[in-house]
Amino acid sequence: MFYIFLKYLLTAALVVFISEVAKRNDRLGSFIASLPLVTILTLVWLKIEKVSTEKISNHAYYTFWFVLPTLPMFLAFPKLYQMFGFWMALIVSMILTFFMFYFFQLILSRFGIHLFD
């Protein structure tokens, strides 16, 4: 039980740290947020928990493919925020990301890469 609490605590601390840095310095906060810290932490947790090499490798591989369709959101959100406010921009950005995942999967499936089965 302590181990799970530690996982939650360290993972949450990472998010809090990034948001605190971003309040003081938007560029540094964005830089830290863009680092694959959550993925690295996840890979470490999986290794500590003795998950198979194949599962750990698959996690890294699929993370790469899942990151790509999220990138347009980071360009659209600032403009949407200026036009419609925070909450509407966030909702539209999430919908955009959903459709990007869908279209990205259609494209990748033509090359034999299946993100969703």
N, C-alpha and C. Protein backbone atom coordinates (compact mmCIF):
# COMPACT_ATOMS: atom_id res chain seq x y z
N MET A 1 0.82 -1.20 0.00
CA MET A 1 0.00 0.00 0.00
C MET A 1 0.86 1.26 0.00
N PHE A 2 1.95 1.23 0.78
CA PHE A 2 2.84 2.38 0.83
C PHE A 2 3.44 2.67 -0.55
N TYR A 3 3.74 1.61 -1.28
CA TYR A 3 4.34 1.76 -2.61
C TYR A 3 3.39 2.51 -3.55
N ILE A 4 2.12 2.17 -3.55
CA ILE A 4 1.14 2.85 -4.41
C ILE A 4 1.01 4.30 -3.99
N PHE A 5 0.97 4.56 -2.69
CA PHE A 5 0.92 5.94 -2.19
C PHE A 5 2.14 6.72 -2.67
N LEU A 6 3.32 6.10 -2.62
CA LEU A 6 4.55 6.75 -3.08
C LEU A 6 4.47 7.08 -4.57
N LYS A 7 3.93 6.15 -5.36
CA LYS A 7 3.77 6.40 -6.79
C LYS A 7 2.88 7.61 -7.03
N TYR A 8 1.74 7.66 -6.36
CA TYR A 8 0.83 8.79 -6.52
C TYR A 8 1.50 10.08 -6.07
N LEU A 9 2.18 10.05 -4.95
CA LEU A 9 2.82 11.23 -4.40
C LEU A 9 3.88 11.79 -5.35
N LEU A 10 4.75 10.94 -5.85
CA LEU A 10 5.81 11.41 -6.75
C LEU A 10 5.25 11.90 -8.09
N THR A 11 4.27 11.19 -8.61
CA THR A 11 3.68 11.59 -9.88
C THR A 11 2.93 12.91 -9.74
N ALA A 12 2.17 13.07 -8.68
CA ALA A 12 1.46 14.33 -8.43
C ALA A 12 2.44 15.46 -8.19
N ALA A 13 3.52 15.18 -7.47
CA ALA A 13 4.54 16.20 -7.20
C ALA A 13 5.12 16.74 -8.50
N LEU A 14 5.28 15.88 -9.48
CA LEU A 14 5.79 16.31 -10.77
C LEU A 14 4.85 17.33 -11.42
N VAL A 15 3.57 17.06 -11.41
CA VAL A 15 2.58 17.97 -12.00
C VAL A 15 2.56 19.30 -11.23
N VAL A 16 2.58 19.23 -9.93
CA VAL A 16 2.57 20.44 -9.11
C VAL A 16 3.85 21.25 -9.37
N PHE A 17 4.98 20.58 -9.43
CA PHE A 17 6.25 21.26 -9.70
C PHE A 17 6.19 22.02 -11.02
N ILE A 18 5.71 21.36 -12.07
CA ILE A 18 5.64 21.99 -13.39
C ILE A 18 4.70 23.20 -13.36
N SER A 19 3.56 23.07 -12.71
CA SER A 19 2.63 24.20 -12.67
C SER A 19 3.20 25.36 -11.86
N GLU A 20 3.94 25.08 -10.82
CA GLU A 20 4.56 26.15 -10.02
C GLU A 20 5.66 26.86 -10.81
N VAL A 21 6.45 26.11 -11.54
CA VAL A 21 7.48 26.72 -12.39
C VAL A 21 6.82 27.55 -13.48
N ALA A 22 5.76 27.04 -14.08
CA ALA A 22 5.07 27.75 -15.17
C ALA A 22 4.47 29.07 -14.70
N LYS A 23 4.04 29.13 -13.43
CA LYS A 23 3.50 30.39 -12.91
C LYS A 23 4.57 31.48 -12.88
N ARG A 24 5.80 31.08 -12.67
CA ARG A 24 6.89 32.04 -12.55
C ARG A 24 7.60 32.31 -13.87
N ASN A 25 7.66 31.27 -14.70
CA ASN A 25 8.37 31.41 -15.97
C ASN A 25 7.68 30.51 -17.00
N ASP A 26 6.88 31.11 -17.88
CA ASP A 26 6.08 30.31 -18.81
C ASP A 26 6.93 29.46 -19.75
N ARG A 27 8.05 29.99 -20.20
CA ARG A 27 8.89 29.20 -21.11
C ARG A 27 9.56 28.03 -20.42
N LEU A 28 10.09 28.26 -19.24
CA LEU A 28 10.73 27.16 -18.51
C LEU A 28 9.69 26.11 -18.12
N GLY A 29 8.53 26.56 -17.67
CA GLY A 29 7.46 25.62 -17.33
C GLY A 29 7.05 24.78 -18.53
N SER A 30 6.93 25.42 -19.68
CA SER A 30 6.58 24.70 -20.91
C SER A 30 7.67 23.72 -21.31
N PHE A 31 8.91 24.17 -21.16
CA PHE A 31 10.04 23.29 -21.49
C PHE A 31 10.01 22.03 -20.62
N ILE A 32 9.85 22.22 -19.32
CA ILE A 32 9.83 21.07 -18.41
C ILE A 32 8.63 20.17 -18.72
N ALA A 33 7.47 20.78 -19.00
CA ALA A 33 6.27 20.00 -19.31
C ALA A 33 6.44 19.21 -20.61
N SER A 34 7.23 19.75 -21.54
CA SER A 34 7.40 19.05 -22.82
C SER A 34 8.37 17.88 -22.72
N LEU A 35 9.15 17.84 -21.67
CA LEU A 35 10.05 16.70 -21.49
C LEU A 35 9.21 15.46 -21.20
N PRO A 36 9.67 14.33 -21.63
CA PRO A 36 8.87 13.11 -21.42
C PRO A 36 9.00 12.56 -19.99
N LEU A 37 8.87 13.45 -19.01
CA LEU A 37 9.06 13.05 -17.62
C LEU A 37 8.04 12.03 -17.14
N VAL A 38 6.78 12.21 -17.52
CA VAL A 38 5.75 11.26 -17.11
C VAL A 38 6.02 9.90 -17.74
N THR A 39 6.42 9.89 -19.00
CA THR A 39 6.72 8.62 -19.66
C THR A 39 7.93 7.96 -19.01
N ILE A 40 8.96 8.73 -18.73
CA ILE A 40 10.15 8.16 -18.08
C ILE A 40 9.78 7.61 -16.71
N LEU A 41 8.99 8.36 -15.96
CA LEU A 41 8.55 7.88 -14.66
C LEU A 41 7.73 6.60 -14.80
N THR A 42 6.87 6.55 -15.80
CA THR A 42 6.07 5.35 -16.04
C THR A 42 6.97 4.16 -16.37
N LEU A 43 7.97 4.38 -17.23
CA LEU A 43 8.89 3.30 -17.57
C LEU A 43 9.63 2.80 -16.33
N VAL A 44 10.02 3.72 -15.46
CA VAL A 44 10.69 3.33 -14.22
C VAL A 44 9.75 2.51 -13.34
N TRP A 45 8.50 2.99 -13.18
CA TRP A 45 7.54 2.24 -12.37
C TRP A 45 7.34 0.83 -12.94
N LEU A 46 7.20 0.73 -14.26
CA LEU A 46 7.00 -0.58 -14.88
C LEU A 46 8.20 -1.49 -14.64
N LYS A 47 9.41 -0.96 -14.73
CA LYS A 47 10.62 -1.75 -14.50
C LYS A 47 10.69 -2.22 -13.05
N ILE A 48 10.42 -1.29 -12.12
CA ILE A 48 10.44 -1.65 -10.69
C ILE A 48 9.42 -2.74 -10.39
N GLU A 49 8.28 -2.69 -11.07
CA GLU A 49 7.22 -3.67 -10.86
C GLU A 49 7.44 -4.96 -11.66
N LYS A 50 8.61 -5.06 -12.29
CA LYS A 50 9.01 -6.27 -13.02
C LYS A 50 8.05 -6.64 -14.16
N VAL A 51 7.57 -5.60 -14.86
CA VAL A 51 6.75 -5.83 -16.04
C VAL A 51 7.68 -6.32 -17.15
N SER A 52 7.16 -7.10 -18.06
CA SER A 52 7.99 -7.70 -19.10
C SER A 52 8.67 -6.65 -19.98
N THR A 53 9.80 -7.03 -20.51
CA THR A 53 10.56 -6.17 -21.42
C THR A 53 9.70 -5.75 -22.60
N GLU A 54 8.92 -6.70 -23.11
CA GLU A 54 8.05 -6.41 -24.26
C GLU A 54 7.03 -5.32 -23.92
N LYS A 55 6.40 -5.41 -22.76
CA LYS A 55 5.40 -4.41 -22.37
C LYS A 55 6.04 -3.04 -22.19
N ILE A 56 7.21 -2.99 -21.58
CA ILE A 56 7.89 -1.71 -21.38
C ILE A 56 8.28 -1.10 -22.72
N SER A 57 8.82 -1.92 -23.60
CA SER A 57 9.20 -1.45 -24.94
C SER A 57 7.98 -0.98 -25.72
N ASN A 58 6.90 -1.73 -25.65
CA ASN A 58 5.66 -1.33 -26.33
C ASN A 58 5.14 0.00 -25.80
N HIS A 59 5.26 0.21 -24.51
CA HIS A 59 4.80 1.48 -23.94
C HIS A 59 5.55 2.65 -24.56
N ALA A 60 6.86 2.54 -24.65
CA ALA A 60 7.66 3.62 -25.25
C ALA A 60 7.31 3.79 -26.73
N TYR A 61 7.17 2.69 -27.45
CA TYR A 61 6.85 2.73 -28.87
C TYR A 61 5.51 3.41 -29.13
N TYR A 62 4.47 2.98 -28.43
CA TYR A 62 3.15 3.56 -28.65
C TYR A 62 3.04 4.99 -28.15
N THR A 63 3.80 5.33 -27.12
CA THR A 63 3.81 6.71 -26.65
C THR A 63 4.26 7.64 -27.76
N PHE A 64 5.27 7.24 -28.52
CA PHE A 64 5.73 8.05 -29.65
C PHE A 64 4.58 8.32 -30.61
N TRP A 65 3.86 7.29 -31.00
CA TRP A 65 2.78 7.45 -31.97
C TRP A 65 1.61 8.24 -31.40
N PHE A 66 1.36 8.12 -30.09
CA PHE A 66 0.25 8.87 -29.49
C PHE A 66 0.58 10.34 -29.27
N VAL A 67 1.83 10.68 -29.18
CA VAL A 67 2.22 12.09 -28.99
C VAL A 67 1.94 12.90 -30.26
N LEU A 68 2.22 12.34 -31.40
CA LEU A 68 2.12 13.09 -32.66
C LEU A 68 0.75 13.72 -32.90
N PRO A 69 -0.37 13.00 -32.73
CA PRO A 69 -1.67 13.65 -32.99
C PRO A 69 -2.08 14.67 -31.92
N THR A 70 -1.34 14.75 -30.82
CA THR A 70 -1.67 15.77 -29.81
C THR A 70 -1.02 17.12 -30.13
N LEU A 71 -0.03 17.13 -30.99
CA LEU A 71 0.72 18.36 -31.25
C LEU A 71 -0.11 19.51 -31.82
N PRO A 72 -1.05 19.27 -32.76
CA PRO A 72 -1.86 20.39 -33.26
C PRO A 72 -2.64 21.13 -32.17
N MET A 73 -3.01 20.43 -31.11
CA MET A 73 -3.74 21.08 -30.02
C MET A 73 -2.93 22.23 -29.43
N PHE A 74 -1.63 22.05 -29.31
CA PHE A 74 -0.78 23.07 -28.69
C PHE A 74 -0.66 24.32 -29.56
N LEU A 75 -0.91 24.18 -30.84
CA LEU A 75 -0.94 25.36 -31.72
C LEU A 75 -2.32 25.99 -31.75
N ALA A 76 -3.35 25.16 -31.69
CA ALA A 76 -4.73 25.67 -31.78
C ALA A 76 -5.18 26.32 -30.47
N PHE A 77 -4.80 25.75 -29.34
CA PHE A 77 -5.30 26.24 -28.06
C PHE A 77 -5.06 27.73 -27.82
N PRO A 78 -3.85 28.26 -28.03
CA PRO A 78 -3.66 29.69 -27.75
C PRO A 78 -4.57 30.60 -28.56
N LYS A 79 -4.77 30.27 -29.83
CA LYS A 79 -5.65 31.08 -30.67
C LYS A 79 -7.10 30.93 -30.22
N LEU A 80 -7.52 29.71 -29.94
CA LEU A 80 -8.88 29.48 -29.47
C LEU A 80 -9.13 30.18 -28.13
N TYR A 81 -8.13 30.19 -27.28
CA TYR A 81 -8.24 30.84 -25.98
C TYR A 81 -8.48 32.34 -26.14
N GLN A 82 -7.76 32.94 -27.05
CA GLN A 82 -7.95 34.38 -27.31
C GLN A 82 -9.34 34.66 -27.86
N MET A 83 -9.84 33.76 -28.69
CA MET A 83 -11.12 33.98 -29.36
C MET A 83 -12.32 33.64 -28.48
N PHE A 84 -12.23 32.55 -27.71
CA PHE A 84 -13.42 32.02 -27.03
C PHE A 84 -13.30 31.88 -25.52
N GLY A 85 -12.13 32.14 -24.96
CA GLY A 85 -11.94 31.94 -23.52
C GLY A 85 -11.40 30.56 -23.22
N PHE A 86 -11.00 30.40 -21.96
CA PHE A 86 -10.29 29.18 -21.56
C PHE A 86 -11.09 27.90 -21.75
N TRP A 87 -12.28 27.84 -21.15
CA TRP A 87 -13.03 26.57 -21.13
C TRP A 87 -13.46 26.12 -22.52
N MET A 88 -13.92 27.05 -23.34
CA MET A 88 -14.31 26.68 -24.70
C MET A 88 -13.08 26.24 -25.50
N ALA A 89 -11.97 26.94 -25.31
CA ALA A 89 -10.74 26.56 -26.00
C ALA A 89 -10.29 25.16 -25.58
N LEU A 90 -10.41 24.87 -24.30
CA LEU A 90 -10.03 23.55 -23.81
C LEU A 90 -10.93 22.47 -24.39
N ILE A 91 -12.22 22.70 -24.42
CA ILE A 91 -13.16 21.72 -24.96
C ILE A 91 -12.91 21.49 -26.45
N VAL A 92 -12.78 22.58 -27.21
CA VAL A 92 -12.53 22.45 -28.65
C VAL A 92 -11.19 21.76 -28.90
N SER A 93 -10.19 22.07 -28.09
CA SER A 93 -8.88 21.44 -28.24
C SER A 93 -8.96 19.94 -27.98
N MET A 94 -9.75 19.55 -26.99
CA MET A 94 -9.91 18.12 -26.71
C MET A 94 -10.63 17.42 -27.86
N ILE A 95 -11.64 18.07 -28.41
CA ILE A 95 -12.35 17.49 -29.55
C ILE A 95 -11.42 17.39 -30.75
N LEU A 96 -10.65 18.45 -30.99
CA LEU A 96 -9.66 18.42 -32.08
C LEU A 96 -8.70 17.25 -31.91
N THR A 97 -8.22 17.07 -30.69
CA THR A 97 -7.28 15.98 -30.42
C THR A 97 -7.92 14.62 -30.66
N PHE A 98 -9.18 14.46 -30.27
CA PHE A 98 -9.89 13.22 -30.52
C PHE A 98 -9.93 12.91 -32.02
N PHE A 99 -10.30 13.91 -32.82
CA PHE A 99 -10.36 13.70 -34.27
C PHE A 99 -8.98 13.47 -34.87
N MET A 100 -7.97 14.13 -34.32
CA MET A 100 -6.61 13.91 -34.80
C MET A 100 -6.19 12.46 -34.55
N PHE A 101 -6.53 11.92 -33.37
CA PHE A 101 -6.25 10.51 -33.10
C PHE A 101 -6.94 9.62 -34.12
N TYR A 102 -8.19 9.91 -34.40
CA TYR A 102 -8.95 9.11 -35.35
C TYR A 102 -8.31 9.14 -36.74
N PHE A 103 -8.03 10.33 -37.25
CA PHE A 103 -7.44 10.44 -38.59
C PHE A 103 -6.02 9.89 -38.64
N PHE A 104 -5.29 10.09 -37.57
CA PHE A 104 -3.92 9.58 -37.51
C PHE A 104 -3.93 8.05 -37.55
N GLN A 105 -4.89 7.45 -36.84
CA GLN A 105 -5.01 6.00 -36.86
C GLN A 105 -5.36 5.50 -38.27
N LEU A 106 -6.23 6.22 -38.96
CA LEU A 106 -6.57 5.82 -40.33
C LEU A 106 -5.33 5.82 -41.22
N ILE A 107 -4.51 6.84 -41.09
CA ILE A 107 -3.29 6.95 -41.89
C ILE A 107 -2.30 5.85 -41.51
N LEU A 108 -2.06 5.67 -40.21
CA LEU A 108 -1.08 4.68 -39.77
C LEU A 108 -1.51 3.26 -40.12
N SER A 109 -2.80 2.98 -40.09
CA SER A 109 -3.26 1.62 -40.38
C SER A 109 -2.92 1.22 -41.82
N ARG A 110 -2.79 2.19 -42.70
CA ARG A 110 -2.39 1.88 -44.08
C ARG A 110 -0.94 1.40 -44.15
N PHE A 111 -0.18 1.69 -43.08
CA PHE A 111 1.21 1.26 -43.01
C PHE A 111 1.40 0.11 -42.03
N GLY A 112 0.30 -0.50 -41.61
CA GLY A 112 0.36 -1.65 -40.73
C GLY A 112 0.58 -1.33 -39.27
N ILE A 113 0.42 -0.07 -38.88
CA ILE A 113 0.57 0.32 -37.48
C ILE A 113 -0.82 0.56 -36.92
N HIS A 114 -1.19 -0.24 -35.93
CA HIS A 114 -2.53 -0.17 -35.35
C HIS A 114 -2.44 0.26 -33.89
N LEU A 115 -2.85 1.50 -33.62
CA LEU A 115 -2.81 2.03 -32.26
C LEU A 115 -3.99 1.55 -31.44
N PHE A 116 -5.13 1.41 -32.08
CA PHE A 116 -6.33 0.93 -31.41
C PHE A 116 -6.80 -0.33 -32.11
N ASP A 117 -7.01 -1.36 -31.34
CA ASP A 117 -7.49 -2.60 -31.94
C ASP A 117 -8.93 -2.84 -31.59
